[in-house]
Amino acid sequence: METYTERNIPMKVSEPAVAYNTSALQTLKDKLIHVINGTEDEEKLQECLDILYEKKEMPGIYSEEEFAEELLLSESGGNATKAEVNAFFAKWEVL
């Protein structure tokens, strides 16, 4: 199956070549639009919107002090089971 990024978009003769030389930012926007248009999960879409409008903190972004504290807590907490790890990361599952 062909993925979104593997598609070859043919140039039309009347269009300038610059129209197809998109920046990395435009490529990223196009990928986001494609994924958004392909999902019906309202909760995931709301989470994406919240992140874009900074209504929620981005997971995993810490100051040096916060990271040191999280590291100490993590190391003192012991090992997690595979099921616990999978459950934790499931909330950031790719759409």
N, C-alpha and C. Protein backbone atom coordinates (compact mmCIF):
# COMPACT_ATOMS: atom_id res chain seq x y z
N MET A 1 0.84 -1.19 0.00
CA MET A 1 0.00 0.00 0.00
C MET A 1 0.88 1.24 0.00
N GLU A 2 0.55 2.17 -0.81
CA GLU A 2 1.32 3.40 -0.93
C GLU A 2 0.97 4.34 0.20
N THR A 3 1.99 4.92 0.86
CA THR A 3 1.73 5.86 1.94
C THR A 3 1.62 7.27 1.37
N TYR A 4 1.14 8.17 2.21
CA TYR A 4 0.94 9.56 1.81
C TYR A 4 2.24 10.19 1.31
N THR A 5 3.35 9.91 1.99
CA THR A 5 4.61 10.55 1.62
C THR A 5 5.25 9.94 0.39
N GLU A 6 4.78 8.76 -0.03
CA GLU A 6 5.39 8.10 -1.18
C GLU A 6 4.70 8.46 -2.49
N ARG A 7 3.58 9.16 -2.41
CA ARG A 7 2.85 9.50 -3.64
C ARG A 7 3.66 10.44 -4.50
N ASN A 8 3.61 10.20 -5.76
CA ASN A 8 4.22 11.12 -6.72
C ASN A 8 3.10 11.96 -7.31
N ILE A 9 3.21 13.25 -7.15
CA ILE A 9 2.18 14.15 -7.67
C ILE A 9 2.70 14.69 -9.00
N PRO A 10 2.02 14.35 -10.11
CA PRO A 10 2.51 14.82 -11.41
C PRO A 10 2.32 16.33 -11.55
N MET A 11 3.32 16.97 -12.15
CA MET A 11 3.24 18.40 -12.39
C MET A 11 2.38 18.66 -13.62
N LYS A 12 1.58 19.68 -13.57
CA LYS A 12 0.83 20.10 -14.74
C LYS A 12 1.69 21.09 -15.51
N VAL A 13 1.59 21.04 -16.81
CA VAL A 13 2.43 21.89 -17.66
C VAL A 13 2.26 23.36 -17.35
N SER A 14 1.06 23.79 -17.02
CA SER A 14 0.80 25.21 -16.79
C SER A 14 1.28 25.71 -15.43
N GLU A 15 1.69 24.79 -14.54
CA GLU A 15 2.10 25.20 -13.21
C GLU A 15 3.63 25.32 -13.11
N PRO A 16 4.10 26.35 -12.41
CA PRO A 16 5.55 26.52 -12.26
C PRO A 16 6.13 25.45 -11.34
N ALA A 17 7.38 25.09 -11.55
CA ALA A 17 8.05 24.06 -10.75
C ALA A 17 8.09 24.44 -9.27
N VAL A 18 8.14 25.74 -8.98
CA VAL A 18 8.20 26.17 -7.58
C VAL A 18 6.99 25.72 -6.78
N ALA A 19 5.87 25.52 -7.45
CA ALA A 19 4.67 25.08 -6.76
C ALA A 19 4.86 23.72 -6.12
N TYR A 20 5.80 22.93 -6.59
CA TYR A 20 6.03 21.58 -6.07
C TYR A 20 7.25 21.50 -5.17
N ASN A 21 7.99 22.56 -5.02
CA ASN A 21 9.15 22.59 -4.13
C ASN A 21 8.72 23.15 -2.78
N THR A 22 7.90 22.38 -2.06
CA THR A 22 7.38 22.86 -0.78
C THR A 22 8.45 22.80 0.30
N SER A 23 8.32 23.67 1.25
CA SER A 23 9.25 23.68 2.37
C SER A 23 8.92 22.54 3.32
N ALA A 24 9.81 22.27 4.24
CA ALA A 24 9.57 21.23 5.24
C ALA A 24 8.33 21.55 6.06
N LEU A 25 8.10 22.82 6.32
CA LEU A 25 6.92 23.22 7.09
C LEU A 25 5.64 22.88 6.34
N GLN A 26 5.59 23.20 5.05
CA GLN A 26 4.40 22.90 4.26
C GLN A 26 4.18 21.39 4.15
N THR A 27 5.25 20.64 4.02
CA THR A 27 5.14 19.18 3.96
C THR A 27 4.55 18.65 5.26
N LEU A 28 5.01 19.17 6.37
CA LEU A 28 4.48 18.76 7.67
C LEU A 28 3.00 19.12 7.79
N LYS A 29 2.64 20.32 7.37
CA LYS A 29 1.23 20.73 7.40
C LYS A 29 0.38 19.79 6.54
N ASP A 30 0.87 19.44 5.37
CA ASP A 30 0.14 18.53 4.49
C ASP A 30 -0.07 17.16 5.13
N LYS A 31 0.95 16.66 5.81
CA LYS A 31 0.83 15.37 6.49
C LYS A 31 -0.20 15.44 7.61
N LEU A 32 -0.17 16.54 8.38
CA LEU A 32 -1.15 16.72 9.45
C LEU A 32 -2.58 16.77 8.90
N ILE A 33 -2.77 17.50 7.85
CA ILE A 33 -4.10 17.60 7.24
C ILE A 33 -4.57 16.23 6.78
N HIS A 34 -3.68 15.46 6.18
CA HIS A 34 -4.02 14.11 5.71
C HIS A 34 -4.45 13.22 6.87
N VAL A 35 -3.69 13.25 7.96
CA VAL A 35 -4.01 12.42 9.12
C VAL A 35 -5.32 12.89 9.77
N ILE A 36 -5.48 14.20 9.90
CA ILE A 36 -6.69 14.75 10.51
C ILE A 36 -7.93 14.37 9.69
N ASN A 37 -7.82 14.47 8.38
CA ASN A 37 -8.95 14.12 7.52
C ASN A 37 -9.28 12.63 7.58
N GLY A 38 -8.33 11.82 7.98
CA GLY A 38 -8.53 10.38 8.02
C GLY A 38 -9.02 9.84 9.34
N THR A 39 -9.20 10.68 10.35
CA THR A 39 -9.62 10.18 11.66
C THR A 39 -11.02 10.67 12.00
N GLU A 40 -11.72 9.84 12.74
CA GLU A 40 -13.05 10.19 13.23
C GLU A 40 -13.07 10.26 14.76
N ASP A 41 -11.89 10.10 15.38
CA ASP A 41 -11.78 10.08 16.84
C ASP A 41 -11.78 11.51 17.37
N GLU A 42 -12.92 11.95 17.88
CA GLU A 42 -13.07 13.33 18.33
C GLU A 42 -12.12 13.66 19.48
N GLU A 43 -11.90 12.69 20.38
CA GLU A 43 -11.03 12.93 21.53
C GLU A 43 -9.58 13.19 21.07
N LYS A 44 -9.09 12.40 20.13
CA LYS A 44 -7.73 12.60 19.63
C LYS A 44 -7.61 13.94 18.91
N LEU A 45 -8.62 14.28 18.14
CA LEU A 45 -8.59 15.57 17.45
C LEU A 45 -8.58 16.73 18.44
N GLN A 46 -9.34 16.61 19.52
CA GLN A 46 -9.36 17.65 20.54
C GLN A 46 -8.00 17.76 21.23
N GLU A 47 -7.36 16.61 21.49
CA GLU A 47 -6.03 16.61 22.10
C GLU A 47 -5.03 17.32 21.19
N CYS A 48 -5.11 17.05 19.89
CA CYS A 48 -4.22 17.72 18.94
C CYS A 48 -4.45 19.23 18.94
N LEU A 49 -5.71 19.61 18.94
CA LEU A 49 -6.04 21.03 18.97
C LEU A 49 -5.55 21.70 20.25
N ASP A 50 -5.72 21.00 21.37
CA ASP A 50 -5.24 21.54 22.64
C ASP A 50 -3.73 21.75 22.62
N ILE A 51 -3.02 20.79 22.07
CA ILE A 51 -1.56 20.92 21.99
C ILE A 51 -1.17 22.09 21.10
N LEU A 52 -1.83 22.22 19.96
CA LEU A 52 -1.51 23.32 19.05
C LEU A 52 -1.80 24.68 19.66
N TYR A 53 -2.83 24.75 20.49
CA TYR A 53 -3.16 26.02 21.14
C TYR A 53 -2.59 26.11 22.55
N GLU A 54 -1.72 25.19 22.90
CA GLU A 54 -1.01 25.18 24.17
C GLU A 54 -1.95 25.17 25.37
N LYS A 55 -3.09 24.49 25.24
CA LYS A 55 -4.00 24.37 26.37
C LYS A 55 -3.54 23.29 27.33
N LYS A 56 -2.71 22.40 26.83
CA LYS A 56 -2.13 21.35 27.66
C LYS A 56 -0.62 21.41 27.48
N GLU A 57 0.09 20.95 28.49
CA GLU A 57 1.53 20.88 28.35
C GLU A 57 1.90 19.70 27.47
N MET A 58 2.92 19.88 26.67
CA MET A 58 3.42 18.80 25.84
C MET A 58 4.06 17.76 26.74
N PRO A 59 3.68 16.49 26.61
CA PRO A 59 4.26 15.47 27.49
C PRO A 59 5.77 15.33 27.27
N GLY A 60 6.49 15.19 28.36
CA GLY A 60 7.92 14.94 28.26
C GLY A 60 8.80 16.16 28.10
N ILE A 61 8.29 17.35 28.28
CA ILE A 61 9.12 18.55 28.20
C ILE A 61 9.34 19.06 29.62
N TYR A 62 10.58 18.99 30.07
CA TYR A 62 10.92 19.33 31.44
C TYR A 62 12.06 20.33 31.47
N SER A 63 12.11 21.12 32.54
CA SER A 63 13.30 21.93 32.80
C SER A 63 14.35 20.96 33.35
N GLU A 64 15.57 21.41 33.48
CA GLU A 64 16.63 20.54 34.01
C GLU A 64 16.29 20.04 35.41
N GLU A 65 15.74 20.93 36.24
CA GLU A 65 15.39 20.55 37.61
C GLU A 65 14.25 19.53 37.63
N GLU A 66 13.23 19.79 36.81
CA GLU A 66 12.10 18.86 36.73
C GLU A 66 12.54 17.49 36.22
N PHE A 67 13.44 17.49 35.24
CA PHE A 67 13.93 16.22 34.70
C PHE A 67 14.70 15.44 35.76
N ALA A 68 15.55 16.14 36.51
CA ALA A 68 16.31 15.47 37.57
C ALA A 68 15.37 14.84 38.59
N GLU A 69 14.30 15.56 38.96
CA GLU A 69 13.32 15.03 39.90
C GLU A 69 12.59 13.82 39.32
N GLU A 70 12.16 13.91 38.06
CA GLU A 70 11.47 12.80 37.40
C GLU A 70 12.38 11.58 37.31
N LEU A 71 13.65 11.80 37.03
CA LEU A 71 14.61 10.71 36.93
C LEU A 71 14.76 10.00 38.28
N LEU A 72 14.88 10.79 39.35
CA LEU A 72 14.99 10.19 40.69
C LEU A 72 13.74 9.40 41.04
N LEU A 73 12.58 9.96 40.76
CA LEU A 73 11.33 9.26 41.03
C LEU A 73 11.22 7.97 40.22
N SER A 74 11.65 8.05 38.97
CA SER A 74 11.59 6.88 38.09
C SER A 74 12.51 5.77 38.59
N GLU A 75 13.73 6.14 38.94
CA GLU A 75 14.69 5.14 39.40
C GLU A 75 14.28 4.53 40.73
N SER A 76 13.61 5.30 41.57
CA SER A 76 13.21 4.76 42.88
C SER A 76 11.90 3.97 42.79
N GLY A 77 11.20 4.09 41.67
CA GLY A 77 9.90 3.45 41.53
C GLY A 77 9.95 1.99 41.14
N GLY A 78 11.08 1.48 40.74
CA GLY A 78 11.16 0.08 40.33
C GLY A 78 10.82 -0.11 38.87
N ASN A 79 10.69 -1.35 38.47
CA ASN A 79 10.41 -1.68 37.07
C ASN A 79 8.92 -1.77 36.81
N ALA A 80 8.53 -1.38 35.61
CA ALA A 80 7.13 -1.49 35.19
C ALA A 80 6.98 -2.76 34.36
N THR A 81 5.79 -3.31 34.40
CA THR A 81 5.52 -4.48 33.56
C THR A 81 5.32 -4.01 32.13
N LYS A 82 5.42 -4.92 31.19
CA LYS A 82 5.20 -4.58 29.78
C LYS A 82 3.80 -4.01 29.58
N ALA A 83 2.81 -4.58 30.27
CA ALA A 83 1.43 -4.10 30.17
C ALA A 83 1.31 -2.66 30.67
N GLU A 84 2.00 -2.33 31.77
CA GLU A 84 1.97 -0.97 32.30
C GLU A 84 2.61 0.02 31.33
N VAL A 85 3.72 -0.39 30.73
CA VAL A 85 4.40 0.48 29.76
C VAL A 85 3.51 0.70 28.54
N ASN A 86 2.91 -0.38 28.03
CA ASN A 86 2.03 -0.26 26.86
C ASN A 86 0.83 0.64 27.16
N ALA A 87 0.25 0.50 28.34
CA ALA A 87 -0.90 1.33 28.72
C ALA A 87 -0.50 2.80 28.81
N PHE A 88 0.68 3.07 29.34
CA PHE A 88 1.16 4.44 29.47
C PHE A 88 1.32 5.10 28.10
N PHE A 89 1.94 4.39 27.15
CA PHE A 89 2.22 4.97 25.84
C PHE A 89 1.03 4.91 24.90
N ALA A 90 0.00 4.18 25.25
CA ALA A 90 -1.19 4.07 24.38
C ALA A 90 -1.86 5.41 24.15
N LYS A 91 -1.75 6.33 25.11
CA LYS A 91 -2.41 7.62 24.94
C LYS A 91 -1.76 8.47 23.87
N TRP A 92 -0.56 8.13 23.42
CA TRP A 92 0.09 8.86 22.34
C TRP A 92 0.19 8.01 21.08
N GLU A 93 -0.70 7.04 20.97
CA GLU A 93 -0.69 6.14 19.83
C GLU A 93 -0.84 6.93 18.54
N VAL A 94 -0.13 6.52 17.52
CA VAL A 94 -0.20 7.18 16.21
C VAL A 94 -1.57 6.97 15.63
N LEU A 95 -2.09 8.03 15.05
CA LEU A 95 -3.46 7.96 14.48
C LEU A 95 -3.53 6.98 13.35
